[in-house]
Amino acid sequence: MNHGWEQEHLDQAYRHIAELKAHIVRQRVLLKDALDTGQASELAESMLHALEGSLRIFEKHRQLILEQLRQTERADRFYHQ
């Protein structure tokens, strides 16, 4: 895998994670507002769970990219000694 390509994907994963975290914060506020005002909260809660699940997936994806980068860097050091 190309190091530049891996770094680009890592940067993208970090952006997605940051965006998801911001969405989760907003969704928690919406859920709290629904609960505080006695409104139906099932949809807000379901969306929160979906966002949290997506966050876990992107965090795992980021970890895979980081592992790939480490392997590539080790291989580069080995072949360029």
Protein backbone atom coordinates (compact mmCIF):
# COMPACT_ATOMS: atom_id res chain seq x y z
CA MET A 1 0.00 0.00 0.00
CA ASN A 2 1.27 3.48 -0.82
CA HIS A 3 2.29 5.50 2.25
CA GLY A 4 0.69 8.70 0.88
CA TRP A 5 -2.55 6.88 0.19
CA GLU A 6 -2.55 5.42 3.71
CA GLN A 7 -1.95 8.84 5.26
CA GLU A 8 -4.78 10.32 3.20
CA HIS A 9 -7.13 7.60 4.43
CA LEU A 10 -5.96 8.10 8.01
CA ASP A 11 -6.66 11.83 7.76
CA GLN A 12 -10.09 11.06 6.37
CA ALA A 13 -10.80 8.59 9.18
CA TYR A 14 -9.87 11.23 11.77
CA ARG A 15 -12.22 13.72 10.08
CA HIS A 16 -15.08 11.22 10.06
CA ILE A 17 -14.49 10.40 13.73
CA ALA A 18 -14.53 14.09 14.67
CA GLU A 19 -17.73 14.64 12.69
CA LEU A 20 -19.41 11.64 14.27
CA LYS A 21 -18.46 12.81 17.75
CA ALA A 22 -20.03 16.20 17.01
CA HIS A 23 -23.20 14.51 15.71
CA ILE A 24 -23.33 12.35 18.84
CA VAL A 25 -23.14 15.42 21.08
CA ARG A 26 -25.98 17.08 19.16
CA GLN A 27 -28.04 13.89 19.20
CA ARG A 28 -27.61 13.55 22.98
CA VAL A 29 -28.94 17.09 23.35
CA LEU A 30 -31.94 16.24 21.16
CA LEU A 31 -32.59 13.08 23.14
CA LYS A 32 -32.36 14.93 26.46
CA ASP A 33 -34.73 17.62 25.18
CA ALA A 34 -37.22 14.97 24.06
CA LEU A 35 -37.05 13.23 27.43
CA ASP A 36 -37.28 16.50 29.37
CA THR A 37 -40.37 17.65 27.45
CA GLY A 38 -42.15 14.31 27.44
CA GLN A 39 -41.86 13.87 23.67
CA ALA A 40 -41.35 10.52 22.01
CA SER A 41 -37.66 9.69 22.24
CA GLU A 42 -37.41 6.35 20.44
CA LEU A 43 -36.21 7.82 17.15
CA ALA A 44 -33.68 10.10 18.84
CA GLU A 45 -32.38 7.20 20.91
CA SER A 46 -32.21 4.91 17.89
CA MET A 47 -30.25 7.53 15.94
CA LEU A 48 -27.88 7.98 18.88
CA HIS A 49 -27.19 4.25 18.95
CA ALA A 50 -26.61 4.21 15.19
CA LEU A 51 -24.16 7.12 15.43
CA GLU A 52 -22.31 5.46 18.31
CA GLY A 53 -22.09 2.24 16.30
CA SER A 54 -20.70 4.13 13.33
CA LEU A 55 -18.14 5.77 15.58
CA ARG A 56 -16.92 2.39 16.81
CA ILE A 57 -16.60 1.17 13.20
CA PHE A 58 -14.58 4.23 12.15
CA GLU A 59 -12.35 3.89 15.21
CA LYS A 60 -11.65 0.27 14.24
CA HIS A 61 -10.98 1.38 10.66
CA ARG A 62 -8.56 4.04 11.91
CA GLN A 63 -6.75 1.39 13.95
CA LEU A 64 -6.39 -0.84 10.88
CA ILE A 65 -4.91 2.05 8.91
CA LEU A 66 -2.47 2.84 11.73
CA GLU A 67 -1.39 -0.80 11.85
CA GLN A 68 -0.89 -0.81 8.09
CA LEU A 69 1.20 2.35 8.30
CA ARG A 70 3.39 0.79 10.99
CA GLN A 71 3.90 -2.34 8.88
CA THR A 72 4.79 -0.25 5.84
CA GLU A 73 7.26 1.84 7.85
CA ARG A 74 8.91 -1.31 9.26
CA ALA A 75 9.18 -2.79 5.77
CA ASP A 76 10.63 0.46 4.41
CA ARG A 77 13.27 0.54 7.15
CA PHE A 78 14.12 -3.12 6.53
CA TYR A 79 14.54 -2.74 2.76
CA HIS A 80 16.40 0.57 2.97
CA GLN A 81 19.08 -0.46 5.45
